[in-house]
């Protein structure tokens, strides 16, 4: 979970994930959305891969990135549950309010 939140801590990486919600994109297509160098974007992609938030697939000379939404959901749900939030939380809150 630590690697996921490290990856999510950067606005550029969050934007990459948002772009990938619409489907796989090549590294070049993703880089076109940012005003940073390709080596900087490559470092961002590496952090996202290390956190297992994206899957990289070679397609000829390009690399296609795919969002791994299940990993993101699992990390966020795990974080919410650590604070007592989640599916059981509304009932628990009702008990506290009574």
PDB file of N, CA and C in Angstrom:
ATOM      1  N   UNK A   1       0.833  -1.190   0.000  1.00  0.00           N
ATOM      2  CA  UNK A   1       0.000   0.000   0.000  1.00  0.00           C
ATOM      3  C   UNK A   1       0.876   1.251   0.000  1.00  0.00           C
ATOM      4  N   UNK A   2       2.046   1.182   0.622  1.00  0.00           N
ATOM      5  CA  UNK A   2       2.932   2.339   0.681  1.00  0.00           C
ATOM      6  C   UNK A   2       3.344   2.791  -0.713  1.00  0.00           C
ATOM      7  N   UNK A   3       3.682   1.831  -1.579  1.00  0.00           N
ATOM      8  CA  UNK A   3       4.090   2.188  -2.936  1.00  0.00           C
ATOM      9  C   UNK A   3       2.940   2.819  -3.717  1.00  0.00           C
ATOM     10  N   UNK A   4       1.729   2.358  -3.476  1.00  0.00           N
ATOM     11  CA  UNK A   4       0.566   2.929  -4.170  1.00  0.00           C
ATOM     12  C   UNK A   4       0.408   4.392  -3.767  1.00  0.00           C
ATOM     13  N   UNK A   5       0.490   4.675  -2.470  1.00  0.00           N
ATOM     14  CA  UNK A   5       0.295   6.057  -2.034  1.00  0.00           C
ATOM     15  C   UNK A   5       1.473   6.949  -2.423  1.00  0.00           C
ATOM     16  N   UNK A   6       2.676   6.376  -2.503  1.00  0.00           N
ATOM     17  CA  UNK A   6       3.808   7.146  -3.024  1.00  0.00           C
ATOM     18  C   UNK A   6       3.521   7.530  -4.468  1.00  0.00           C
ATOM     19  N   UNK A   7       3.026   6.575  -5.253  1.00  0.00           N
ATOM     20  CA  UNK A   7       2.709   6.849  -6.656  1.00  0.00           C
ATOM     21  C   UNK A   7       1.610   7.903  -6.776  1.00  0.00           C
ATOM     22  N   UNK A   8       0.613   7.819  -5.917  1.00  0.00           N
ATOM     23  CA  UNK A   8      -0.520   8.751  -5.975  1.00  0.00           C
ATOM     24  C   UNK A   8      -0.182  10.138  -5.428  1.00  0.00           C
ATOM     25  N   UNK A   9       0.950  10.272  -4.761  1.00  0.00           N
ATOM     26  CA  UNK A   9       1.297  11.559  -4.142  1.00  0.00           C
ATOM     27  C   UNK A   9       1.681  12.628  -5.167  1.00  0.00           C
ATOM     28  N   UNK A  10       1.961  12.220  -6.384  1.00  0.00           N
ATOM     29  CA  UNK A  10       2.395  13.167  -7.400  1.00  0.00           C
ATOM     30  C   UNK A  10       1.261  13.481  -8.378  1.00  0.00           C
ATOM     31  N   UNK A  11       0.987  14.765  -8.627  1.00  0.00           N
ATOM     32  CA  UNK A  11      -0.110  15.127  -9.522  1.00  0.00           C
ATOM     33  C   UNK A  11       0.079  14.633 -10.964  1.00  0.00           C
ATOM     34  N   UNK A  12       1.311  14.561 -11.435  1.00  0.00           N
ATOM     35  CA  UNK A  12       1.550  14.060 -12.785  1.00  0.00           C
ATOM     36  C   UNK A  12       1.140  12.598 -12.884  1.00  0.00           C
ATOM     37  N   UNK A  13       1.519  11.808 -11.887  1.00  0.00           N
ATOM     38  CA  UNK A  13       1.161  10.387 -11.910  1.00  0.00           C
ATOM     39  C   UNK A  13      -0.339  10.188 -11.756  1.00  0.00           C
ATOM     40  N   UNK A  14      -0.989  11.017 -10.949  1.00  0.00           N
ATOM     41  CA  UNK A  14      -2.453  10.924 -10.831  1.00  0.00           C
ATOM     42  C   UNK A  14      -3.108  11.236 -12.170  1.00  0.00           C
ATOM     43  N   UNK A  15      -2.576  12.213 -12.891  1.00  0.00           N
ATOM     44  CA  UNK A  15      -3.136  12.581 -14.199  1.00  0.00           C
ATOM     45  C   UNK A  15      -2.927  11.441 -15.204  1.00  0.00           C
ATOM     46  N   UNK A  16      -1.772  10.776 -15.150  1.00  0.00           N
ATOM     47  CA  UNK A  16      -1.531   9.625 -16.029  1.00  0.00           C
ATOM     48  C   UNK A  16      -2.606   8.569 -15.784  1.00  0.00           C
ATOM     49  N   UNK A  17      -2.899   8.292 -14.524  1.00  0.00           N
ATOM     50  CA  UNK A  17      -3.924   7.296 -14.202  1.00  0.00           C
ATOM     51  C   UNK A  17      -5.292   7.728 -14.719  1.00  0.00           C
ATOM     52  N   UNK A  18      -5.592   9.015 -14.599  1.00  0.00           N
ATOM     53  CA  UNK A  18      -6.867   9.517 -15.114  1.00  0.00           C
ATOM     54  C   UNK A  18      -6.948   9.334 -16.625  1.00  0.00           C
ATOM     55  N   UNK A  19      -5.873   9.610 -17.322  1.00  0.00           N
ATOM     56  CA  UNK A  19      -5.862   9.447 -18.779  1.00  0.00           C
ATOM     57  C   UNK A  19      -6.051   7.978 -19.164  1.00  0.00           C
ATOM     58  N   UNK A  20      -5.461   7.085 -18.386  1.00  0.00           N
ATOM     59  CA  UNK A  20      -5.553   5.659 -18.696  1.00  0.00           C
ATOM     60  C   UNK A  20      -6.932   5.073 -18.391  1.00  0.00           C
ATOM     61  N   UNK A  21      -7.771   5.803 -17.672  1.00  0.00           N
ATOM     62  CA  UNK A  21      -9.138   5.321 -17.415  1.00  0.00           C
ATOM     63  C   UNK A  21      -9.897   5.125 -18.719  1.00  0.00           C
ATOM     64  N   UNK A  22      -9.539   5.885 -19.746  1.00  0.00           N
ATOM     65  CA  UNK A  22     -10.219   5.800 -21.044  1.00  0.00           C
ATOM     66  C   UNK A  22      -9.698   4.662 -21.904  1.00  0.00           C
ATOM     67  N   UNK A  23      -8.665   3.977 -21.442  1.00  0.00           N
ATOM     68  CA  UNK A  23      -8.097   2.870 -22.203  1.00  0.00           C
ATOM     69  C   UNK A  23      -6.592   2.991 -22.303  1.00  0.00           C
ATOM     70  N   UNK A  24      -5.964   1.936 -22.818  1.00  0.00           N
ATOM     71  CA  UNK A  24      -4.497   1.931 -22.935  1.00  0.00           C
ATOM     72  C   UNK A  24      -4.000   3.071 -23.816  1.00  0.00           C
ATOM     73  N   UNK A  25      -2.823   3.565 -23.474  1.00  0.00           N
ATOM     74  CA  UNK A  25      -2.179   4.621 -24.257  1.00  0.00           C
ATOM     75  C   UNK A  25      -0.691   4.318 -24.325  1.00  0.00           C
ATOM     76  N   UNK A  26      -0.071   4.758 -25.411  1.00  0.00           N
ATOM     77  CA  UNK A  26       1.377   4.588 -25.536  1.00  0.00           C
ATOM     78  C   UNK A  26       2.080   5.636 -24.676  1.00  0.00           C
ATOM     79  N   UNK A  27       3.344   5.361 -24.403  1.00  0.00           N
ATOM     80  CA  UNK A  27       4.139   6.314 -23.627  1.00  0.00           C
ATOM     81  C   UNK A  27       4.173   7.665 -24.336  1.00  0.00           C
ATOM     82  N   UNK A  28       4.305   7.641 -25.666  1.00  0.00           N
ATOM     83  CA  UNK A  28       4.333   8.889 -26.434  1.00  0.00           C
ATOM     84  C   UNK A  28       3.038   9.669 -26.327  1.00  0.00           C
ATOM     85  N   UNK A  29       1.918   8.952 -26.392  1.00  0.00           N
ATOM     86  CA  UNK A  29       0.613   9.612 -26.268  1.00  0.00           C
ATOM     87  C   UNK A  29       0.468  10.248 -24.886  1.00  0.00           C
ATOM     88  N   UNK A  30       0.906   9.531 -23.865  1.00  0.00           N
ATOM     89  CA  UNK A  30       0.820  10.074 -22.507  1.00  0.00           C
ATOM     90  C   UNK A  30       1.743  11.274 -22.347  1.00  0.00           C
ATOM     91  N   UNK A  31       2.964  11.172 -22.862  1.00  0.00           N
ATOM     92  CA  UNK A  31       3.927  12.276 -22.741  1.00  0.00           C
ATOM     93  C   UNK A  31       3.407  13.559 -23.389  1.00  0.00           C
ATOM     94  N   UNK A  32       2.616  13.424 -24.444  1.00  0.00           N
ATOM     95  CA  UNK A  32       2.094  14.594 -25.151  1.00  0.00           C
ATOM     96  C   UNK A  32       1.190  15.448 -24.272  1.00  0.00           C
ATOM     97  N   UNK A  33       0.687  14.898 -23.181  1.00  0.00           N
ATOM     98  CA  UNK A  33      -0.205  15.631 -22.283  1.00  0.00           C
ATOM     99  C   UNK A  33       0.544  16.429 -21.215  1.00  0.00           C
ATOM    100  N   UNK A  34       1.872  16.319 -21.189  1.00  0.00           N
ATOM    101  CA  UNK A  34       2.652  16.946 -20.121  1.00  0.00           C
ATOM    102  C   UNK A  34       3.794  17.758 -20.702  1.00  0.00           C
ATOM    103  N   UNK A  35       4.134  18.815 -19.994  1.00  0.00           N
ATOM    104  CA  UNK A  35       5.233  19.678 -20.413  1.00  0.00           C
ATOM    105  C   UNK A  35       6.478  19.350 -19.594  1.00  0.00           C
ATOM    106  N   UNK A  36       6.886  18.083 -19.650  1.00  0.00           N
ATOM    107  CA  UNK A  36       8.096  17.642 -18.964  1.00  0.00           C
ATOM    108  C   UNK A  36       8.902  16.774 -19.924  1.00  0.00           C
ATOM    109  N   UNK A  37      10.155  16.519 -19.583  1.00  0.00           N
ATOM    110  CA  UNK A  37      11.024  15.727 -20.460  1.00  0.00           C
ATOM    111  C   UNK A  37      10.612  14.256 -20.468  1.00  0.00           C
ATOM    112  N   UNK A  38      11.005  13.566 -21.530  1.00  0.00           N
ATOM    113  CA  UNK A  38      10.711  12.137 -21.621  1.00  0.00           C
ATOM    114  C   UNK A  38      11.375  11.343 -20.500  1.00  0.00           C
ATOM    115  N   UNK A  39      12.625  11.669 -20.105  1.00  0.00           N
ATOM    116  CA  UNK A  39      13.207  10.946 -18.969  1.00  0.00           C
ATOM    117  C   UNK A  39      12.416  11.147 -17.663  1.00  0.00           C
ATOM    118  N   UNK A  40      11.860  12.334 -17.475  1.00  0.00           N
ATOM    119  CA  UNK A  40      11.039  12.583 -16.290  1.00  0.00           C
ATOM    120  C   UNK A  40       9.777  11.737 -16.339  1.00  0.00           C
ATOM    121  N   UNK A  41       9.150  11.681 -17.506  1.00  0.00           N
ATOM    122  CA  UNK A  41       7.950  10.845 -17.646  1.00  0.00           C
ATOM    123  C   UNK A  41       8.292   9.376 -17.457  1.00  0.00           C
ATOM    124  N   UNK A  42       9.431   8.956 -17.962  1.00  0.00           N
ATOM    125  CA  UNK A  42       9.869   7.575 -17.795  1.00  0.00           C
ATOM    126  C   UNK A  42      10.001   7.228 -16.312  1.00  0.00           C
ATOM    127  N   UNK A  43      10.506   8.167 -15.529  1.00  0.00           N
ATOM    128  CA  UNK A  43      10.618   7.951 -14.079  1.00  0.00           C
ATOM    129  C   UNK A  43       9.235   7.835 -13.445  1.00  0.00           C
ATOM    130  N   UNK A  44       8.290   8.647 -13.896  1.00  0.00           N
ATOM    131  CA  UNK A  44       6.912   8.555 -13.390  1.00  0.00           C
ATOM    132  C   UNK A  44       6.302   7.198 -13.739  1.00  0.00           C
ATOM    133  N   UNK A  45       6.534   6.747 -14.980  1.00  0.00           N
ATOM    134  CA  UNK A  45       6.013   5.441 -15.389  1.00  0.00           C
ATOM    135  C   UNK A  45       6.606   4.327 -14.527  1.00  0.00           C
ATOM    136  N   UNK A  46       7.893   4.449 -14.199  1.00  0.00           N
ATOM    137  CA  UNK A  46       8.551   3.435 -13.368  1.00  0.00           C
ATOM    138  C   UNK A  46       7.917   3.358 -11.983  1.00  0.00           C
ATOM    139  N   UNK A  47       7.599   4.508 -11.401  1.00  0.00           N
ATOM    140  CA  UNK A  47       6.954   4.528 -10.080  1.00  0.00           C
ATOM    141  C   UNK A  47       5.576   3.876 -10.158  1.00  0.00           C
ATOM    142  N   UNK A  48       4.844   4.172 -11.212  1.00  0.00           N
ATOM    143  CA  UNK A  48       3.510   3.580 -11.388  1.00  0.00           C
ATOM    144  C   UNK A  48       3.594   2.062 -11.587  1.00  0.00           C
ATOM    145  N   UNK A  49       4.617   1.607 -12.318  1.00  0.00           N
ATOM    146  CA  UNK A  49       4.801   0.161 -12.499  1.00  0.00           C
ATOM    147  C   UNK A  49       5.195  -0.511 -11.185  1.00  0.00           C
ATOM    148  N   UNK A  50       6.092   0.119 -10.423  1.00  0.00           N
ATOM    149  CA  UNK A  50       6.526  -0.441  -9.141  1.00  0.00           C
ATOM    150  C   UNK A  50       5.353  -0.583  -8.176  1.00  0.00           C
ATOM    151  N   UNK A  51       4.427   0.351  -8.237  1.00  0.00           N
ATOM    152  CA  UNK A  51       3.237   0.301  -7.383  1.00  0.00           C
ATOM    153  C   UNK A  51       2.194  -0.653  -7.955  1.00  0.00           C
ATOM    154  N   UNK A  52       2.454  -1.215  -9.116  1.00  0.00           N
ATOM    155  CA  UNK A  52       1.557  -2.158  -9.791  1.00  0.00           C
ATOM    156  C   UNK A  52       0.241  -1.497 -10.215  1.00  0.00           C
ATOM    157  N   UNK A  53       0.283  -0.182 -10.436  1.00  0.00           N
ATOM    158  CA  UNK A  53      -0.918   0.546 -10.847  1.00  0.00           C
ATOM    159  C   UNK A  53      -1.110   0.522 -12.358  1.00  0.00           C
ATOM    160  N   UNK A  54      -0.029   0.257 -13.076  1.00  0.00           N
ATOM    161  CA  UNK A  54      -0.109   0.155 -14.525  1.00  0.00           C
ATOM    162  C   UNK A  54       0.627  -1.091 -14.988  1.00  0.00           C
ATOM    163  N   UNK A  55       0.211  -1.553 -16.143  1.00  0.00           N
ATOM    164  CA  UNK A  55       0.876  -2.680 -16.807  1.00  0.00           C
ATOM    165  C   UNK A  55       1.459  -2.140 -18.098  1.00  0.00           C
ATOM    166  N   UNK A  56       2.747  -2.403 -18.332  1.00  0.00           N
ATOM    167  CA  UNK A  56       3.401  -1.956 -19.558  1.00  0.00           C
ATOM    168  C   UNK A  56       3.524  -3.131 -20.515  1.00  0.00           C
ATOM    169  N   UNK A  57       3.169  -2.878 -21.762  1.00  0.00           N
ATOM    170  CA  UNK A  57       3.179  -3.923 -22.788  1.00  0.00           C
ATOM    171  C   UNK A  57       3.903  -3.390 -24.014  1.00  0.00           C
ATOM    172  N   UNK A  58       4.907  -4.121 -24.458  1.00  0.00           N
ATOM    173  CA  UNK A  58       5.630  -3.730 -25.673  1.00  0.00           C
ATOM    174  C   UNK A  58       4.725  -3.939 -26.889  1.00  0.00           C
ATOM    175  N   UNK A  59       4.664  -2.929 -27.734  1.00  0.00           N
ATOM    176  CA  UNK A  59       3.893  -3.010 -28.979  1.00  0.00           C
ATOM    177  C   UNK A  59       4.780  -2.459 -30.085  1.00  0.00           C
ATOM    178  N   UNK A  60       5.597  -3.330 -30.663  1.00  0.00           N
ATOM    179  CA  UNK A  60       6.564  -2.867 -31.645  1.00  0.00           C
ATOM    180  C   UNK A  60       7.630  -2.041 -30.960  1.00  0.00           C
ATOM    181  N   UNK A  61       7.791  -0.799 -31.413  1.00  0.00           N
ATOM    182  CA  UNK A  61       8.775   0.101 -30.801  1.00  0.00           C
ATOM    183  C   UNK A  61       8.160   0.924 -29.671  1.00  0.00           C
ATOM    184  N   UNK A  62       6.870   0.791 -29.475  1.00  0.00           N
ATOM    185  CA  UNK A  62       6.164   1.562 -28.448  1.00  0.00           C
ATOM    186  C   UNK A  62       5.923   0.715 -27.208  1.00  0.00           C
ATOM    187  N   UNK A  63       5.603   1.406 -26.137  1.00  0.00           N
ATOM    188  CA  UNK A  63       5.172   0.755 -24.908  1.00  0.00           C
ATOM    189  C   UNK A  63       3.759   1.234 -24.624  1.00  0.00           C
ATOM    190  N   UNK A  64       2.835   0.293 -24.498  1.00  0.00           N
ATOM    191  CA  UNK A  64       1.452   0.622 -24.154  1.00  0.00           C
ATOM    192  C   UNK A  64       1.256   0.459 -22.660  1.00  0.00           C
ATOM    193  N   UNK A  65       0.623   1.446 -22.057  1.00  0.00           N
ATOM    194  CA  UNK A  65       0.331   1.381 -20.626  1.00  0.00           C
ATOM    195  C   UNK A  65      -1.155   1.129 -20.415  1.00  0.00           C
ATOM    196  N   UNK A  66      -1.449   0.231 -19.498  1.00  0.00           N
ATOM    197  CA  UNK A  66      -2.822  -0.125 -19.137  1.00  0.00           C
ATOM    198  C   UNK A  66      -3.007   0.163 -17.655  1.00  0.00           C
ATOM    199  N   UNK A  67      -4.124   0.720 -17.286  1.00  0.00           N
ATOM    200  CA  UNK A  67      -4.465   0.964 -15.887  1.00  0.00           C
ATOM    201  C   UNK A  67      -4.873  -0.345 -15.224  1.00  0.00           C
ATOM    202  N   UNK A  68      -4.349  -0.591 -14.030  1.00  0.00           N
ATOM    203  CA  UNK A  68      -4.739  -1.758 -13.241  1.00  0.00           C
ATOM    204  C   UNK A  68      -5.637  -1.254 -12.107  1.00  0.00           C
ATOM    205  N   UNK A  69      -6.866  -0.974 -12.462  1.00  0.00           N
ATOM    206  CA  UNK A  69      -7.821  -0.361 -11.543  1.00  0.00           C
ATOM    207  C   UNK A  69      -8.034  -1.196 -10.287  1.00  0.00           C
ATOM    208  N   UNK A  70      -7.993  -2.518 -10.403  1.00  0.00           N
ATOM    209  CA  UNK A  70      -8.234  -3.369  -9.241  1.00  0.00           C
ATOM    210  C   UNK A  70      -7.193  -3.126  -8.152  1.00  0.00           C
ATOM    211  N   UNK A  71      -5.957  -2.858  -8.518  1.00  0.00           N
ATOM    212  CA  UNK A  71      -4.903  -2.589  -7.534  1.00  0.00           C
ATOM    213  C   UNK A  71      -5.195  -1.274  -6.822  1.00  0.00           C
ATOM    214  N   UNK A  72      -5.602  -0.276  -7.577  1.00  0.00           N
ATOM    215  CA  UNK A  72      -5.936   1.023  -6.991  1.00  0.00           C
ATOM    216  C   UNK A  72      -7.132   0.893  -6.046  1.00  0.00           C
ATOM    217  N   UNK A  73      -8.167   0.201  -6.489  1.00  0.00           N
ATOM    218  CA  UNK A  73      -9.352   0.009  -5.648  1.00  0.00           C
ATOM    219  C   UNK A  73      -9.005  -0.724  -4.358  1.00  0.00           C
ATOM    220  N   UNK A  74      -8.199  -1.775  -4.475  1.00  0.00           N
ATOM    221  CA  UNK A  74      -7.817  -2.559  -3.301  1.00  0.00           C
ATOM    222  C   UNK A  74      -7.048  -1.707  -2.291  1.00  0.00           C
ATOM    223  N   UNK A  75      -6.120  -0.892  -2.772  1.00  0.00           N
ATOM    224  CA  UNK A  75      -5.340  -0.032  -1.880  1.00  0.00           C
ATOM    225  C   UNK A  75      -6.227   1.003  -1.198  1.00  0.00           C
ATOM    226  N   UNK A  76      -7.113   1.622  -1.961  1.00  0.00           N
ATOM    227  CA  UNK A  76      -7.983   2.653  -1.389  1.00  0.00           C
ATOM    228  C   UNK A  76      -8.976   2.051  -0.392  1.00  0.00           C
ATOM    229  N   UNK A  77      -9.520   0.871  -0.717  1.00  0.00           N
ATOM    230  CA  UNK A  77     -10.434   0.209   0.220  1.00  0.00           C
ATOM    231  C   UNK A  77      -9.702  -0.221   1.483  1.00  0.00           C
ATOM    232  N   UNK A  78      -8.485  -0.733   1.321  1.00  0.00           N
ATOM    233  CA  UNK A  78      -7.690  -1.114   2.486  1.00  0.00           C
ATOM    234  C   UNK A  78      -7.412   0.080   3.376  1.00  0.00           C
ATOM    235  N   UNK A  79      -7.104   1.213   2.766  1.00  0.00           N
ATOM    236  CA  UNK A  79      -6.856   2.437   3.522  1.00  0.00           C
ATOM    237  C   UNK A  79      -8.121   2.879   4.252  1.00  0.00           C
ATOM    238  N   UNK A  80      -9.249   2.855   3.561  1.00  0.00           N
ATOM    239  CA  UNK A  80     -10.521   3.257   4.174  1.00  0.00           C
ATOM    240  C   UNK A  80     -10.867   2.341   5.344  1.00  0.00           C
ATOM    241  N   UNK A  81     -10.669   1.035   5.158  1.00  0.00           N
ATOM    242  CA  UNK A  81     -10.977   0.085   6.235  1.00  0.00           C
ATOM    243  C   UNK A  81     -10.079   0.297   7.452  1.00  0.00           C
ATOM    244  N   UNK A  82      -8.849   0.760   7.242  1.00  0.00           N
ATOM    245  CA  UNK A  82      -7.950   0.992   8.369  1.00  0.00           C
ATOM    246  C   UNK A  82      -8.458   2.126   9.260  1.00  0.00           C
ATOM    247  N   UNK A  83      -9.364   2.948   8.737  1.00  0.00           N
ATOM    248  CA  UNK A  83      -9.983   4.017   9.515  1.00  0.00           C
ATOM    249  C   UNK A  83     -11.419   3.687   9.900  1.00  0.00           C
ATOM    250  N   UNK A  84     -11.806   2.440   9.688  1.00  0.00           N
ATOM    251  CA  UNK A  84     -13.159   2.028  10.041  1.00  0.00           C
ATOM    252  C   UNK A  84     -14.204   2.476   9.045  1.00  0.00           C
ATOM    253  N   UNK A  85     -13.780   2.816   7.849  1.00  0.00           N
ATOM    254  CA  UNK A  85     -14.709   3.231   6.806  1.00  0.00           C
ATOM    255  C   UNK A  85     -14.932   2.071   5.852  1.00  0.00           C
ATOM    256  N   UNK A  86     -16.024   2.089   5.147  1.00  0.00           N
ATOM    257  CA  UNK A  86     -16.272   1.032   4.171  1.00  0.00           C
ATOM    258  C   UNK A  86     -17.687   0.534   4.259  1.00  0.00           C
ATOM    259  N   UNK A  87     -17.899  -0.676   3.812  1.00  0.00           N
ATOM    260  CA  UNK A  87     -19.246  -1.251   3.720  1.00  0.00           C
ATOM    261  C   UNK A  87     -19.954  -1.309   5.057  1.00  0.00           C
ATOM    262  N   UNK A  88     -19.226  -1.575   6.131  1.00  0.00           N
ATOM    263  CA  UNK A  88     -19.863  -1.706   7.428  1.00  0.00           C
ATOM    264  C   UNK A  88     -19.922  -0.383   8.191  1.00  0.00           C
ATOM    265  N   UNK A  89     -19.231   0.604   7.704  1.00  0.00           N
ATOM    266  CA  UNK A  89     -19.135   1.862   8.431  1.00  0.00           C
ATOM    267  C   UNK A  89     -20.470   2.584   8.615  1.00  0.00           C
ATOM    268  N   UNK A  90     -21.371   2.667   7.620  1.00  0.00           N
ATOM    269  CA  UNK A  90     -22.607   3.416   7.831  1.00  0.00           C
ATOM    270  C   UNK A  90     -23.422   2.878   9.010  1.00  0.00           C
ATOM    271  N   UNK A  91     -23.530   1.576   9.148  1.00  0.00           N
ATOM    272  CA  UNK A  91     -24.275   1.001  10.265  1.00  0.00           C
ATOM    273  C   UNK A  91     -23.589   1.348  11.588  1.00  0.00           C
ATOM    274  N   UNK A  92     -22.286   1.276  11.591  1.00  0.00           N
ATOM    275  CA  UNK A  92     -21.551   1.604  12.812  1.00  0.00           C
ATOM    276  C   UNK A  92     -21.752   3.069  13.180  1.00  0.00           C
ATOM    277  N   UNK A  93     -21.763   3.948  12.172  1.00  0.00           N
ATOM    278  CA  UNK A  93     -21.977   5.370  12.456  1.00  0.00           C
ATOM    279  C   UNK A  93     -23.379   5.606  13.008  1.00  0.00           C
ATOM    280  N   UNK A  94     -24.382   4.892  12.508  1.00  0.00           N
ATOM    281  CA  UNK A  94     -25.748   5.045  13.014  1.00  0.00           C
ATOM    282  C   UNK A  94     -25.820   4.655  14.479  1.00  0.00           C
ATOM    283  N   UNK A  95     -25.100   3.600  14.849  1.00  0.00           N
ATOM    284  CA  UNK A  95     -25.084   3.160  16.249  1.00  0.00           C
ATOM    285  C   UNK A  95     -24.458   4.234  17.120  1.00  0.00           C
ATOM    286  N   UNK A  96     -23.401   4.869  16.644  1.00  0.00           N
ATOM    287  CA  UNK A  96     -22.718   5.910  17.416  1.00  0.00           C
ATOM    288  C   UNK A  96     -23.623   7.110  17.576  1.00  0.00           C
ATOM    289  N   UNK A  97     -24.405   7.466  16.544  1.00  0.00           N
ATOM    290  CA  UNK A  97     -25.253   8.639  16.609  1.00  0.00           C
ATOM    291  C   UNK A  97     -26.424   8.451  17.569  1.00  0.00           C
ATOM    292  N   UNK A  98     -26.822   7.215  17.830  1.00  0.00           N
ATOM    293  CA  UNK A  98     -27.971   6.972  18.702  1.00  0.00           C
ATOM    294  C   UNK A  98     -27.632   7.224  20.087  1.00  0.00           C
TER     295      UNK A  98
END
